[in-house]
Protein backbone atom coordinates (compact mmCIF):
# COMPACT_ATOMS: atom_id res chain seq x y z
CA MET A 1 81.62 -34.31 4.07
CA ASN A 2 84.21 -35.73 1.77
CA SER A 3 82.21 -38.91 1.33
CA LEU A 4 79.22 -36.86 0.32
CA ALA A 5 81.25 -34.97 -2.29
CA LEU A 6 82.47 -38.39 -3.53
CA LYS A 7 78.98 -39.83 -3.86
CA LEU A 8 77.75 -36.68 -5.61
CA ARG A 9 80.64 -36.91 -8.13
CA ARG A 10 79.95 -40.55 -8.79
CA PHE A 11 76.23 -39.81 -9.37
CA LEU A 12 76.96 -37.03 -11.81
CA VAL A 13 79.56 -39.11 -13.74
CA SER A 14 77.33 -42.21 -13.94
CA GLU A 15 74.54 -42.55 -16.46
CA ASP A 16 71.87 -42.58 -13.75
CA GLY A 17 72.08 -38.79 -13.31
CA PRO A 18 71.09 -37.75 -16.88
CA THR A 19 68.46 -40.47 -17.02
CA ALA A 20 66.80 -39.34 -13.90
CA VAL A 21 66.75 -35.71 -15.21
CA GLU A 22 65.21 -36.84 -18.51
CA TYR A 23 62.49 -38.71 -16.63
CA ALA A 24 61.80 -35.61 -14.45
CA VAL A 25 61.53 -33.38 -17.48
CA MET A 26 59.12 -35.83 -19.24
CA LEU A 27 57.04 -36.07 -16.06
CA ALA A 28 56.80 -32.25 -15.84
CA LEU A 29 55.75 -32.02 -19.44
CA ILE A 30 53.00 -34.71 -18.94
CA ILE A 31 51.76 -32.94 -15.87
CA ILE A 32 51.54 -29.53 -17.77
CA VAL A 33 49.70 -31.18 -20.65
CA CYS A 34 47.18 -32.82 -18.20
CA LEU A 35 46.61 -29.55 -16.38
CA ALA A 36 46.02 -27.67 -19.57
CA ALA A 37 43.55 -30.38 -20.83
CA ILE A 38 41.71 -30.33 -17.47
CA GLY A 39 41.44 -26.60 -17.61
CA THR A 40 39.98 -26.68 -21.21
CA ILE A 41 37.58 -29.47 -20.40
CA GLY A 42 36.43 -27.56 -17.26
CA THR A 43 35.84 -24.36 -19.29
CA ASN A 44 33.89 -26.20 -21.95
CA ALA A 45 31.75 -27.97 -19.36
CA ASN A 46 31.04 -24.70 -17.60
CA THR A 47 29.89 -23.09 -20.84
CA THR A 48 27.67 -26.11 -21.64
CA PHE A 49 26.02 -26.11 -18.32
CA THR A 50 25.49 -22.36 -18.45
CA ASN A 51 23.84 -22.65 -21.87
CA VAL A 52 21.60 -25.42 -20.74
CA ALA A 53 20.61 -23.56 -17.54
CA ALA A 54 19.80 -20.47 -19.66
CA LYS A 55 17.61 -22.45 -22.04
CA LEU A 56 15.69 -24.14 -19.16
CA GLY A 57 14.77 -20.75 -17.91
């Protein structure tokens, strides 16, 4: 148990900890933007297909 606490302390003190957190935050933001874009494109495509189907009769 003591070695786990020591490893955790070293990780938090080193520069790798903040860097990993920064990359995780950037990845989360990229995923959110991609999901929003996919949702918008899907809505626009659905509207377009609905309009075309209505005009075809």
